[in-house]
């Protein structure tokens, strides 16, 4: 039977989620790819043990995480029941709905019907009465924003979530959504978006600036750009890499020698800082205090430990930041 490490909270930094009272670990564990039916359950257990033993209190899911959709919630729910029931109040567990989940007109996008039904199914898979954060997973231009936001408000008032979040929104839509949620007095505290050294979309679309201005947190996924911000591709594309085995989010055409040359220069900056490229990439996200937490994905416990090291040095010189900006523009 798993027994939590008593010193786990000394091993992690916790950041306030915007202007709310909620604290999140600087590093959170995302259960996107490696907790589905294709994963090894014993390895999932060990990754959760390693994360929690090192102060990672936040575990991030969505209704469609797997494969197949729903299986990540089912597997994590089993881990919760078998090992973490005494620690539930020490955990932040989040899930989402917004992408396709079941056939027909009510299993996708942002309607009140879909969001409430999806969360009910998620809670059953997780074996929980409530989640700590429930996100709308993507913008839906075909559903009135008021309907989606009122559904999130109803979910909190029903006790099925403590806080709500928005994922994959841009700055303009975030501002409109926040105004509705503020009027409803809904505890909207966080945005989840893709962000890394190579992908600055939230800087261009206003999401980062608007979140900061409104006092909302940001948690970012894909912090290592699907492995591009590691040494994984320096010597070619490994046969077991996601490029070879999946290709939906990073394909071979994107891994050019020109890009790798500039990424190797980023690696040189990391070496001079005494960090791996991955550690520097995570530290860069946390350096300005705007990002609340970075969502890491892992396939084995050692990767979690490696990523946590990034929190040991998140200070950058002006010259380092300028050179990182210059090189990222070339990739």
C-alpha atoms as a PDB file:
ATOM      1  CA  UNK A   1       0.000   0.000   0.000  1.00  0.00           C
ATOM      2  CA  UNK A   2       1.350   3.409  -0.975  1.00  0.00           C
ATOM      3  CA  UNK A   3       2.400   5.746   1.858  1.00  0.00           C
ATOM      4  CA  UNK A   4       3.038   9.395   0.970  1.00  0.00           C
ATOM      5  CA  UNK A   5       6.399  11.015   1.693  1.00  0.00           C
ATOM      6  CA  UNK A   6       5.984  13.321   4.688  1.00  0.00           C
ATOM      7  CA  UNK A   7       8.467  15.881   3.289  1.00  0.00           C
ATOM      8  CA  UNK A   8       6.815  16.130  -0.135  1.00  0.00           C
ATOM      9  CA  UNK A   9       5.766  19.774   0.192  1.00  0.00           C
ATOM     10  CA  UNK A  10       9.352  20.876   0.862  1.00  0.00           C
ATOM     11  CA  UNK A  11      10.281  19.669  -2.621  1.00  0.00           C
ATOM     12  CA  UNK A  12       8.002  21.944  -4.648  1.00  0.00           C
ATOM     13  CA  UNK A  13       7.311  25.633  -5.146  1.00  0.00           C
ATOM     14  CA  UNK A  14       3.637  26.671  -5.108  1.00  0.00           C
ATOM     15  CA  UNK A  15       2.293  29.684  -6.998  1.00  0.00           C
ATOM     16  CA  UNK A  16      -0.900  31.609  -6.448  1.00  0.00           C
ATOM     17  CA  UNK A  17      -3.417  31.117  -9.235  1.00  0.00           C
ATOM     18  CA  UNK A  18      -3.923  34.707 -10.369  1.00  0.00           C
ATOM     19  CA  UNK A  19      -5.557  36.700  -7.577  1.00  0.00           C
ATOM     20  CA  UNK A  20      -7.459  33.706  -6.197  1.00  0.00           C
ATOM     21  CA  UNK A  21      -6.735  31.840  -2.993  1.00  0.00           C
ATOM     22  CA  UNK A  22      -5.757  28.688  -4.880  1.00  0.00           C
ATOM     23  CA  UNK A  23      -2.119  27.592  -4.950  1.00  0.00           C
ATOM     24  CA  UNK A  24      -0.833  25.255  -7.657  1.00  0.00           C
ATOM     25  CA  UNK A  25       2.533  23.511  -7.851  1.00  0.00           C
ATOM     26  CA  UNK A  26       4.963  25.098 -10.291  1.00  0.00           C
ATOM     27  CA  UNK A  27       5.002  21.711 -12.062  1.00  0.00           C
ATOM     28  CA  UNK A  28       1.748  19.770 -12.595  1.00  0.00           C
ATOM     29  CA  UNK A  29       1.266  16.310 -14.084  1.00  0.00           C
ATOM     30  CA  UNK A  30      -0.791  16.021 -17.260  1.00  0.00           C
ATOM     31  CA  UNK A  31      -2.408  12.647 -17.905  1.00  0.00           C
ATOM     32  CA  UNK A  32      -2.921  13.132 -21.633  1.00  0.00           C
ATOM     33  CA  UNK A  33      -1.064  10.389 -23.498  1.00  0.00           C
ATOM     34  CA  UNK A  34       0.279   7.887 -21.004  1.00  0.00           C
ATOM     35  CA  UNK A  35      -2.673   6.990 -18.786  1.00  0.00           C
ATOM     36  CA  UNK A  36      -4.926   5.410 -21.393  1.00  0.00           C
ATOM     37  CA  UNK A  37      -5.653   1.802 -22.252  1.00  0.00           C
ATOM     38  CA  UNK A  38      -2.356   1.519 -24.131  1.00  0.00           C
ATOM     39  CA  UNK A  39      -0.348   2.329 -20.999  1.00  0.00           C
ATOM     40  CA  UNK A  40       0.981  -0.006 -18.317  1.00  0.00           C
ATOM     41  CA  UNK A  41      -1.012   0.371 -15.116  1.00  0.00           C
ATOM     42  CA  UNK A  42       1.930  -0.324 -12.788  1.00  0.00           C
ATOM     43  CA  UNK A  43       3.882   2.451 -14.510  1.00  0.00           C
ATOM     44  CA  UNK A  44       0.939   4.835 -14.110  1.00  0.00           C
ATOM     45  CA  UNK A  45       0.915   4.079 -10.385  1.00  0.00           C
ATOM     46  CA  UNK A  46       4.631   4.754 -10.045  1.00  0.00           C
ATOM     47  CA  UNK A  47       4.365   8.041 -11.926  1.00  0.00           C
ATOM     48  CA  UNK A  48       1.584   9.203  -9.594  1.00  0.00           C
ATOM     49  CA  UNK A  49       3.574   8.111  -6.525  1.00  0.00           C
ATOM     50  CA  UNK A  50       6.683   9.939  -7.764  1.00  0.00           C
ATOM     51  CA  UNK A  51       4.742  13.084  -8.586  1.00  0.00           C
ATOM     52  CA  UNK A  52       2.929  13.277  -5.246  1.00  0.00           C
ATOM     53  CA  UNK A  53       6.040  12.354  -3.243  1.00  0.00           C
ATOM     54  CA  UNK A  54       7.757  15.372  -4.782  1.00  0.00           C
ATOM     55  CA  UNK A  55       5.008  17.888  -4.129  1.00  0.00           C
ATOM     56  CA  UNK A  56       3.054  17.671  -7.378  1.00  0.00           C
ATOM     57  CA  UNK A  57      -0.467  17.998  -6.036  1.00  0.00           C
ATOM     58  CA  UNK A  58      -2.199  18.819  -9.330  1.00  0.00           C
ATOM     59  CA  UNK A  59      -3.273  16.080 -11.749  1.00  0.00           C
ATOM     60  CA  UNK A  60      -4.809  17.281 -15.014  1.00  0.00           C
ATOM     61  CA  UNK A  61      -7.237  15.262 -17.148  1.00  0.00           C
ATOM     62  CA  UNK A  62      -9.974  15.696 -19.750  1.00  0.00           C
ATOM     63  CA  UNK A  63     -12.950  13.604 -20.768  1.00  0.00           C
ATOM     64  CA  UNK A  64     -11.285  12.539 -24.039  1.00  0.00           C
ATOM     65  CA  UNK A  65      -7.823  11.671 -22.698  1.00  0.00           C
ATOM     66  CA  UNK A  66      -6.735   8.135 -23.462  1.00  0.00           C
ATOM     67  CA  UNK A  67      -6.708   6.385 -25.818  1.00  0.00           C
ATOM     68  CA  UNK A  68      -9.536   5.501 -25.820  1.00  0.00           C
ATOM     69  CA  UNK A  69     -11.409   8.592 -24.662  1.00  0.00           C
ATOM     70  CA  UNK A  70     -12.314   8.325 -20.998  1.00  0.00           C
ATOM     71  CA  UNK A  71      -9.708   5.686 -20.169  1.00  0.00           C
ATOM     72  CA  UNK A  72      -7.272   8.130 -18.530  1.00  0.00           C
ATOM     73  CA  UNK A  73     -10.010   9.153 -16.092  1.00  0.00           C
ATOM     74  CA  UNK A  74     -10.877   5.506 -15.451  1.00  0.00           C
ATOM     75  CA  UNK A  75      -7.269   4.540 -14.760  1.00  0.00           C
ATOM     76  CA  UNK A  76      -6.610   7.566 -12.580  1.00  0.00           C
ATOM     77  CA  UNK A  77      -9.875   6.919 -10.741  1.00  0.00           C
ATOM     78  CA  UNK A  78      -8.657   3.412  -9.944  1.00  0.00           C
ATOM     79  CA  UNK A  79      -5.339   4.804  -8.667  1.00  0.00           C
ATOM     80  CA  UNK A  80      -7.196   7.299  -6.495  1.00  0.00           C
ATOM     81  CA  UNK A  81      -9.378   4.597  -4.986  1.00  0.00           C
ATOM     82  CA  UNK A  82      -6.564   2.122  -4.384  1.00  0.00           C
ATOM     83  CA  UNK A  83      -3.872   4.508  -3.123  1.00  0.00           C
ATOM     84  CA  UNK A  84      -4.880   8.134  -2.613  1.00  0.00           C
ATOM     85  CA  UNK A  85      -8.265   8.088  -0.891  1.00  0.00           C
ATOM     86  CA  UNK A  86      -6.755   9.427   2.378  1.00  0.00           C
ATOM     87  CA  UNK A  87      -4.998  12.210   0.435  1.00  0.00           C
ATOM     88  CA  UNK A  88      -7.931  13.520  -1.641  1.00  0.00           C
ATOM     89  CA  UNK A  89      -8.023  16.860   0.177  1.00  0.00           C
ATOM     90  CA  UNK A  90      -4.332  17.378  -0.565  1.00  0.00           C
ATOM     91  CA  UNK A  91      -4.914  17.095  -4.319  1.00  0.00           C
ATOM     92  CA  UNK A  92      -6.132  19.326  -7.112  1.00  0.00           C
ATOM     93  CA  UNK A  93      -7.832  17.203  -9.765  1.00  0.00           C
ATOM     94  CA  UNK A  94      -8.995  18.866 -12.955  1.00  0.00           C
ATOM     95  CA  UNK A  95     -10.880  17.694 -16.017  1.00  0.00           C
ATOM     96  CA  UNK A  96     -12.408  19.256 -19.132  1.00  0.00           C
ATOM     97  CA  UNK A  97     -15.050  18.993 -21.823  1.00  0.00           C
ATOM     98  CA  UNK A  98     -15.266  20.690 -25.184  1.00  0.00           C
ATOM     99  CA  UNK A  99     -13.906  18.309 -27.796  1.00  0.00           C
ATOM    100  CA  UNK A 100     -15.681  15.325 -29.359  1.00  0.00           C
ATOM    101  CA  UNK A 101     -16.531  12.644 -26.817  1.00  0.00           C
ATOM    102  CA  UNK A 102     -19.557  10.636 -28.017  1.00  0.00           C
ATOM    103  CA  UNK A 103     -21.620  10.458 -31.237  1.00  0.00           C
ATOM    104  CA  UNK A 104     -24.660  12.571 -31.945  1.00  0.00           C
ATOM    105  CA  UNK A 105     -25.390  16.268 -31.456  1.00  0.00           C
ATOM    106  CA  UNK A 106     -24.806  16.343 -27.675  1.00  0.00           C
ATOM    107  CA  UNK A 107     -21.258  14.998 -27.310  1.00  0.00           C
ATOM    108  CA  UNK A 108     -19.128  17.919 -28.475  1.00  0.00           C
ATOM    109  CA  UNK A 109     -18.421  21.669 -28.216  1.00  0.00           C
ATOM    110  CA  UNK A 110     -19.926  24.036 -25.602  1.00  0.00           C
ATOM    111  CA  UNK A 111     -23.632  23.559 -24.959  1.00  0.00           C
ATOM    112  CA  UNK A 112     -25.063  23.369 -21.455  1.00  0.00           C
ATOM    113  CA  UNK A 113     -26.342  19.887 -22.343  1.00  0.00           C
ATOM    114  CA  UNK A 114     -22.887  18.594 -23.276  1.00  0.00           C
ATOM    115  CA  UNK A 115     -20.845  20.189 -20.484  1.00  0.00           C
ATOM    116  CA  UNK A 116     -23.067  19.033 -17.635  1.00  0.00           C
ATOM    117  CA  UNK A 117     -23.550  15.527 -19.058  1.00  0.00           C
ATOM    118  CA  UNK A 118     -19.830  15.174 -19.730  1.00  0.00           C
ATOM    119  CA  UNK A 119     -18.828  16.169 -16.211  1.00  0.00           C
ATOM    120  CA  UNK A 120     -21.303  13.681 -14.761  1.00  0.00           C
ATOM    121  CA  UNK A 121     -19.653  10.934 -16.823  1.00  0.00           C
ATOM    122  CA  UNK A 122     -16.172  12.133 -15.808  1.00  0.00           C
ATOM    123  CA  UNK A 123     -17.065  12.022 -12.120  1.00  0.00           C
ATOM    124  CA  UNK A 124     -18.287   8.445 -12.485  1.00  0.00           C
ATOM    125  CA  UNK A 125     -15.072   7.407 -14.226  1.00  0.00           C
ATOM    126  CA  UNK A 126     -12.974   9.140 -11.552  1.00  0.00           C
ATOM    127  CA  UNK A 127     -15.087   7.849  -8.672  1.00  0.00           C
ATOM    128  CA  UNK A 128     -15.390  11.382  -7.258  1.00  0.00           C
ATOM    129  CA  UNK A 129     -18.192  13.623  -6.045  1.00  0.00           C
ATOM    130  CA  UNK A 130     -16.464  16.721  -7.421  1.00  0.00           C
ATOM    131  CA  UNK A 131     -13.381  17.924  -9.269  1.00  0.00           C
ATOM    132  CA  UNK A 132     -11.363  20.902  -8.131  1.00  0.00           C
ATOM    133  CA  UNK A 133     -11.206  22.588 -11.546  1.00  0.00           C
ATOM    134  CA  UNK A 134     -13.517  22.032 -14.502  1.00  0.00           C
ATOM    135  CA  UNK A 135     -12.554  23.589 -17.850  1.00  0.00           C
ATOM    136  CA  UNK A 136     -14.362  24.356 -21.032  1.00  0.00           C
ATOM    137  CA  UNK A 137     -11.775  22.837 -23.355  1.00  0.00           C
ATOM    138  CA  UNK A 138     -12.066  25.104 -26.400  1.00  0.00           C
ATOM    139  CA  UNK A 139     -13.908  28.095 -27.793  1.00  0.00           C
ATOM    140  CA  UNK A 140     -17.182  27.293 -29.556  1.00  0.00           C
ATOM    141  CA  UNK A 141     -18.370  30.040 -31.932  1.00  0.00           C
ATOM    142  CA  UNK A 142     -21.631  28.158 -32.574  1.00  0.00           C
ATOM    143  CA  UNK A 143     -22.819  28.272 -28.957  1.00  0.00           C
ATOM    144  CA  UNK A 144     -23.607  31.592 -27.260  1.00  0.00           C
ATOM    145  CA  UNK A 145     -20.814  32.422 -24.835  1.00  0.00           C
ATOM    146  CA  UNK A 146     -23.426  33.195 -22.174  1.00  0.00           C
ATOM    147  CA  UNK A 147     -24.789  29.633 -22.402  1.00  0.00           C
ATOM    148  CA  UNK A 148     -21.362  28.074 -21.905  1.00  0.00           C
ATOM    149  CA  UNK A 149     -20.437  30.380 -19.041  1.00  0.00           C
ATOM    150  CA  UNK A 150     -23.798  29.897 -17.308  1.00  0.00           C
ATOM    151  CA  UNK A 151     -23.302  26.133 -17.571  1.00  0.00           C
ATOM    152  CA  UNK A 152     -19.929  26.489 -15.828  1.00  0.00           C
ATOM    153  CA  UNK A 153     -21.562  28.607 -13.159  1.00  0.00           C
ATOM    154  CA  UNK A 154     -24.294  26.002 -12.631  1.00  0.00           C
ATOM    155  CA  UNK A 155     -21.663  23.269 -12.336  1.00  0.00           C
ATOM    156  CA  UNK A 156     -19.964  25.099  -9.468  1.00  0.00           C
ATOM    157  CA  UNK A 157     -23.249  25.877  -7.733  1.00  0.00           C
ATOM    158  CA  UNK A 158     -24.215  22.201  -7.960  1.00  0.00           C
ATOM    159  CA  UNK A 159     -21.056  21.258  -6.053  1.00  0.00           C
ATOM    160  CA  UNK A 160     -19.558  19.252  -8.898  1.00  0.00           C
ATOM    161  CA  UNK A 161     -16.548  21.592  -9.260  1.00  0.00           C
ATOM    162  CA  UNK A 162     -14.874  24.074  -6.933  1.00  0.00           C
ATOM    163  CA  UNK A 163     -13.388  26.331  -9.620  1.00  0.00           C
ATOM    164  CA  UNK A 164     -13.748  26.741 -13.372  1.00  0.00           C
ATOM    165  CA  UNK A 165     -11.195  27.349 -16.076  1.00  0.00           C
ATOM    166  CA  UNK A 166     -11.024  28.054 -19.792  1.00  0.00           C
ATOM    167  CA  UNK A 167      -8.733  26.251 -22.205  1.00  0.00           C
ATOM    168  CA  UNK A 168      -7.568  27.233 -25.701  1.00  0.00           C
ATOM    169  CA  UNK A 169      -9.291  30.623 -25.579  1.00  0.00           C
ATOM    170  CA  UNK A 170      -7.789  33.788 -27.065  1.00  0.00           C
ATOM    171  CA  UNK A 171      -7.480  37.085 -25.229  1.00  0.00           C
ATOM    172  CA  UNK A 172     -10.567  38.744 -26.692  1.00  0.00           C
ATOM    173  CA  UNK A 173     -12.892  35.830 -25.961  1.00  0.00           C
ATOM    174  CA  UNK A 174     -11.345  35.383 -22.540  1.00  0.00           C
ATOM    175  CA  UNK A 175     -12.186  38.992 -21.703  1.00  0.00           C
ATOM    176  CA  UNK A 176     -15.823  38.527 -22.721  1.00  0.00           C
ATOM    177  CA  UNK A 177     -16.123  35.230 -20.842  1.00  0.00           C
ATOM    178  CA  UNK A 178     -14.530  36.668 -17.711  1.00  0.00           C
ATOM    179  CA  UNK A 179     -17.008  39.561 -17.695  1.00  0.00           C
ATOM    180  CA  UNK A 180     -19.938  37.107 -17.719  1.00  0.00           C
ATOM    181  CA  UNK A 181     -18.399  34.907 -15.021  1.00  0.00           C
ATOM    182  CA  UNK A 182     -17.555  37.929 -12.897  1.00  0.00           C
ATOM    183  CA  UNK A 183     -21.162  39.111 -13.037  1.00  0.00           C
ATOM    184  CA  UNK A 184     -22.289  35.635 -11.975  1.00  0.00           C
ATOM    185  CA  UNK A 185     -19.681  35.568  -9.171  1.00  0.00           C
ATOM    186  CA  UNK A 186     -18.327  32.299 -10.564  1.00  0.00           C
ATOM    187  CA  UNK A 187     -14.874  31.308  -9.241  1.00  0.00           C
ATOM    188  CA  UNK A 188     -13.061  31.419 -12.603  1.00  0.00           C
ATOM    189  CA  UNK A 189      -9.371  31.251 -11.750  1.00  0.00           C
ATOM    190  CA  UNK A 190      -7.286  29.778 -14.578  1.00  0.00           C
ATOM    191  CA  UNK A 191      -6.611  29.474 -18.296  1.00  0.00           C
ATOM    192  CA  UNK A 192      -4.917  26.483 -19.923  1.00  0.00           C
ATOM    193  CA  UNK A 193      -3.105  27.066 -23.200  1.00  0.00           C
ATOM    194  CA  UNK A 194      -0.226  25.802 -25.289  1.00  0.00           C
ATOM    195  CA  UNK A 195       2.895  27.856 -24.573  1.00  0.00           C
ATOM    196  CA  UNK A 196       6.617  27.248 -24.919  1.00  0.00           C
ATOM    197  CA  UNK A 197       9.789  28.923 -26.153  1.00  0.00           C
ATOM    198  CA  UNK A 198       8.912  28.015 -29.745  1.00  0.00           C
ATOM    199  CA  UNK A 199       5.151  28.684 -29.611  1.00  0.00           C
ATOM    200  CA  UNK A 200       4.301  32.244 -28.520  1.00  0.00           C
ATOM    201  CA  UNK A 201       0.658  32.223 -29.653  1.00  0.00           C
ATOM    202  CA  UNK A 202      -0.702  33.437 -26.308  1.00  0.00           C
ATOM    203  CA  UNK A 203       1.588  36.451 -26.542  1.00  0.00           C
ATOM    204  CA  UNK A 204       0.229  37.313 -29.993  1.00  0.00           C
ATOM    205  CA  UNK A 205      -3.479  36.647 -29.387  1.00  0.00           C
ATOM    206  CA  UNK A 206      -3.693  38.612 -26.156  1.00  0.00           C
ATOM    207  CA  UNK A 207      -4.326  35.675 -23.841  1.00  0.00           C
ATOM    208  CA  UNK A 208      -1.235  36.170 -21.689  1.00  0.00           C
ATOM    209  CA  UNK A 209      -1.712  39.919 -21.296  1.00  0.00           C
ATOM    210  CA  UNK A 210      -5.457  39.663 -20.653  1.00  0.00           C
ATOM    211  CA  UNK A 211      -5.013  36.906 -18.073  1.00  0.00           C
ATOM    212  CA  UNK A 212      -2.460  38.968 -16.207  1.00  0.00           C
ATOM    213  CA  UNK A 213      -4.596  42.111 -16.342  1.00  0.00           C
ATOM    214  CA  UNK A 214      -7.681  40.270 -15.069  1.00  0.00           C
ATOM    215  CA  UNK A 215      -5.786  38.450 -12.327  1.00  0.00           C
ATOM    216  CA  UNK A 216      -6.280  34.947 -13.729  1.00  0.00           C
ATOM    217  CA  UNK A 217      -3.745  32.153 -13.630  1.00  0.00           C
ATOM    218  CA  UNK A 218      -2.240  30.411 -16.639  1.00  0.00           C
ATOM    219  CA  UNK A 219      -1.188  26.784 -16.802  1.00  0.00           C
ATOM    220  CA  UNK A 220       0.573  25.833 -20.018  1.00  0.00           C
ATOM    221  CA  UNK A 221       0.677  22.532 -21.848  1.00  0.00           C
ATOM    222  CA  UNK A 222       3.204  21.295 -24.407  1.00  0.00           C
ATOM    223  CA  UNK A 223       5.999  23.148 -22.545  1.00  0.00           C
ATOM    224  CA  UNK A 224       8.668  21.118 -24.378  1.00  0.00           C
ATOM    225  CA  UNK A 225       7.091  21.549 -27.842  1.00  0.00           C
ATOM    226  CA  UNK A 226       6.324  17.827 -28.237  1.00  0.00           C
ATOM    227  CA  UNK A 227       9.946  16.970 -27.420  1.00  0.00           C
ATOM    228  CA  UNK A 228      11.589  19.534 -29.712  1.00  0.00           C
ATOM    229  CA  UNK A 229      12.918  21.356 -26.623  1.00  0.00           C
ATOM    230  CA  UNK A 230      14.855  18.314 -25.452  1.00  0.00           C
ATOM    231  CA  UNK A 231      17.898  16.505 -26.794  1.00  0.00           C
ATOM    232  CA  UNK A 232      15.663  13.759 -28.207  1.00  0.00           C
ATOM    233  CA  UNK A 233      16.037  14.749 -31.867  1.00  0.00           C
ATOM    234  CA  UNK A 234      19.629  16.004 -31.915  1.00  0.00           C
ATOM    235  CA  UNK A 235      20.909  12.847 -33.611  1.00  0.00           C
ATOM    236  CA  UNK A 236      17.938  12.086 -35.831  1.00  0.00           C
ATOM    237  CA  UNK A 237      14.383  10.932 -35.236  1.00  0.00           C
ATOM    238  CA  UNK A 238      14.209   7.907 -32.894  1.00  0.00           C
ATOM    239  CA  UNK A 239      11.993   5.037 -34.009  1.00  0.00           C
ATOM    240  CA  UNK A 240      10.025   5.157 -30.750  1.00  0.00           C
ATOM    241  CA  UNK A 241       9.443   8.930 -30.886  1.00  0.00           C
ATOM    242  CA  UNK A 242       5.999  10.472 -31.218  1.00  0.00           C
ATOM    243  CA  UNK A 243       6.976  11.666 -34.706  1.00  0.00           C
ATOM    244  CA  UNK A 244       7.228   8.033 -35.813  1.00  0.00           C
ATOM    245  CA  UNK A 245       4.427   6.541 -33.705  1.00  0.00           C
ATOM    246  CA  UNK A 246       1.792   9.300 -33.877  1.00  0.00           C
ATOM    247  CA  UNK A 247       2.577  12.328 -36.044  1.00  0.00           C
ATOM    248  CA  UNK A 248      -0.609  14.265 -35.235  1.00  0.00           C
ATOM    249  CA  UNK A 249       1.130  16.987 -33.231  1.00  0.00           C
ATOM    250  CA  UNK A 250       4.699  16.794 -34.529  1.00  0.00           C
ATOM    251  CA  UNK A 251       5.595  15.363 -37.918  1.00  0.00           C
ATOM    252  CA  UNK A 252       8.843  14.600 -39.676  1.00  0.00           C
ATOM    253  CA  UNK A 253       8.642  17.636 -41.974  1.00  0.00           C
ATOM    254  CA  UNK A 254       8.803  19.901 -38.914  1.00  0.00           C
ATOM    255  CA  UNK A 255      12.040  18.373 -37.631  1.00  0.00           C
ATOM    256  CA  UNK A 256      14.380  20.052 -40.124  1.00  0.00           C
ATOM    257  CA  UNK A 257      18.138  20.348 -39.768  1.00  0.00           C
ATOM    258  CA  UNK A 258      17.836  24.149 -39.824  1.00  0.00           C
ATOM    259  CA  UNK A 259      15.437  24.085 -36.862  1.00  0.00           C
ATOM    260  CA  UNK A 260      17.591  21.589 -35.017  1.00  0.00           C
ATOM    261  CA  UNK A 261      20.607  23.830 -35.531  1.00  0.00           C
ATOM    262  CA  UNK A 262      18.908  26.703 -33.727  1.00  0.00           C
ATOM    263  CA  UNK A 263      17.571  24.393 -31.032  1.00  0.00           C
ATOM    264  CA  UNK A 264      21.138  23.186 -30.456  1.00  0.00           C
ATOM    265  CA  UNK A 265      22.075  26.829 -29.866  1.00  0.00           C
ATOM    266  CA  UNK A 266      19.310  27.038 -27.283  1.00  0.00           C
ATOM    267  CA  UNK A 267      20.875  23.942 -25.765  1.00  0.00           C
ATOM    268  CA  UNK A 268      24.195  25.795 -25.526  1.00  0.00           C
ATOM    269  CA  UNK A 269      22.494  28.520 -23.474  1.00  0.00           C
ATOM    270  CA  UNK A 270      21.059  25.849 -21.197  1.00  0.00           C
ATOM    271  CA  UNK A 271      24.476  24.229 -20.731  1.00  0.00           C
ATOM    272  CA  UNK A 272      25.979  27.578 -19.733  1.00  0.00           C
ATOM    273  CA  UNK A 273      23.218  27.859 -17.125  1.00  0.00           C
ATOM    274  CA  UNK A 274      23.971  24.382 -15.793  1.00  0.00           C
ATOM    275  CA  UNK A 275      20.651  23.046 -17.072  1.00  0.00           C
ATOM    276  CA  UNK A 276      19.451  20.611 -19.680  1.00  0.00           C
ATOM    277  CA  UNK A 277      17.490  22.103 -22.561  1.00  0.00           C
ATOM    278  CA  UNK A 278      14.275  20.697 -21.100  1.00  0.00           C
ATOM    279  CA  UNK A 279      14.999  22.192 -17.677  1.00  0.00           C
ATOM    280  CA  UNK A 280      15.698  25.590 -19.221  1.00  0.00           C
ATOM    281  CA  UNK A 281      12.538  25.438 -21.333  1.00  0.00           C
ATOM    282  CA  UNK A 282      10.406  24.835 -18.238  1.00  0.00           C
ATOM    283  CA  UNK A 283      12.298  27.434 -16.203  1.00  0.00           C
ATOM    284  CA  UNK A 284      11.785  30.013 -18.964  1.00  0.00           C
ATOM    285  CA  UNK A 285       8.021  29.579 -18.704  1.00  0.00           C
ATOM    286  CA  UNK A 286       8.151  30.313 -14.977  1.00  0.00           C
ATOM    287  CA  UNK A 287      10.663  33.152 -15.023  1.00  0.00           C
ATOM    288  CA  UNK A 288       8.341  36.182 -15.198  1.00  0.00           C
ATOM    289  CA  UNK A 289       5.768  35.093 -12.613  1.00  0.00           C
ATOM    290  CA  UNK A 290       2.832  35.177 -15.055  1.00  0.00           C
ATOM    291  CA  UNK A 291       2.638  31.411 -15.593  1.00  0.00           C
ATOM    292  CA  UNK A 292       1.194  29.658 -12.561  1.00  0.00           C
ATOM    293  CA  UNK A 293       2.196  26.115 -13.473  1.00  0.00           C
ATOM    294  CA  UNK A 294       3.625  24.062 -16.323  1.00  0.00           C
ATOM    295  CA  UNK A 295       1.937  20.812 -17.305  1.00  0.00           C
ATOM    296  CA  UNK A 296       4.414  18.056 -17.949  1.00  0.00           C
ATOM    297  CA  UNK A 297       3.722  14.780 -19.673  1.00  0.00           C
ATOM    298  CA  UNK A 298       5.789  11.771 -18.678  1.00  0.00           C
ATOM    299  CA  UNK A 299       6.139   8.172 -19.725  1.00  0.00           C
ATOM    300  CA  UNK A 300       8.230   7.118 -16.717  1.00  0.00           C
ATOM    301  CA  UNK A 301       8.900   8.389 -13.188  1.00  0.00           C
ATOM    302  CA  UNK A 302      12.467   9.535 -13.894  1.00  0.00           C
ATOM    303  CA  UNK A 303      11.167  12.100 -16.390  1.00  0.00           C
ATOM    304  CA  UNK A 304       9.043  13.665 -13.662  1.00  0.00           C
ATOM    305  CA  UNK A 305      12.087  14.034 -11.421  1.00  0.00           C
ATOM    306  CA  UNK A 306      14.106  15.537 -14.262  1.00  0.00           C
ATOM    307  CA  UNK A 307      11.408  18.114 -14.993  1.00  0.00           C
ATOM    308  CA  UNK A 308      11.054  19.171 -11.364  1.00  0.00           C
ATOM    309  CA  UNK A 309      14.716  20.253 -11.411  1.00  0.00           C
ATOM    310  CA  UNK A 310      13.680  23.204 -13.574  1.00  0.00           C
ATOM    311  CA  UNK A 311      12.223  24.965 -10.530  1.00  0.00           C
ATOM    312  CA  UNK A 312      15.687  25.233  -8.955  1.00  0.00           C
ATOM    313  CA  UNK A 313      16.731  28.083 -11.277  1.00  0.00           C
ATOM    314  CA  UNK A 314      14.122  30.255 -12.981  1.00  0.00           C
ATOM    315  CA  UNK A 315      16.191  33.455 -13.103  1.00  0.00           C
ATOM    316  CA  UNK A 316      17.477  34.639 -16.491  1.00  0.00           C
ATOM    317  CA  UNK A 317      19.747  37.504 -17.480  1.00  0.00           C
ATOM    318  CA  UNK A 318      18.496  40.070 -19.983  1.00  0.00           C
ATOM    319  CA  UNK A 319      21.071  38.785 -22.494  1.00  0.00           C
ATOM    320  CA  UNK A 320      19.858  35.192 -22.096  1.00  0.00           C
ATOM    321  CA  UNK A 321      16.228  36.209 -22.627  1.00  0.00           C
ATOM    322  CA  UNK A 322      17.111  38.274 -25.700  1.00  0.00           C
ATOM    323  CA  UNK A 323      19.093  35.427 -27.273  1.00  0.00           C
ATOM    324  CA  UNK A 324      16.306  32.906 -26.524  1.00  0.00           C
ATOM    325  CA  UNK A 325      13.827  35.261 -28.224  1.00  0.00           C
ATOM    326  CA  UNK A 326      16.109  35.647 -31.248  1.00  0.00           C
ATOM    327  CA  UNK A 327      16.668  31.929 -31.681  1.00  0.00           C
ATOM    328  CA  UNK A 328      13.025  31.003 -31.134  1.00  0.00           C
ATOM    329  CA  UNK A 329      12.043  33.336 -33.965  1.00  0.00           C
ATOM    330  CA  UNK A 330      14.291  31.331 -36.296  1.00  0.00           C
ATOM    331  CA  UNK A 331      12.855  27.908 -35.463  1.00  0.00           C
END
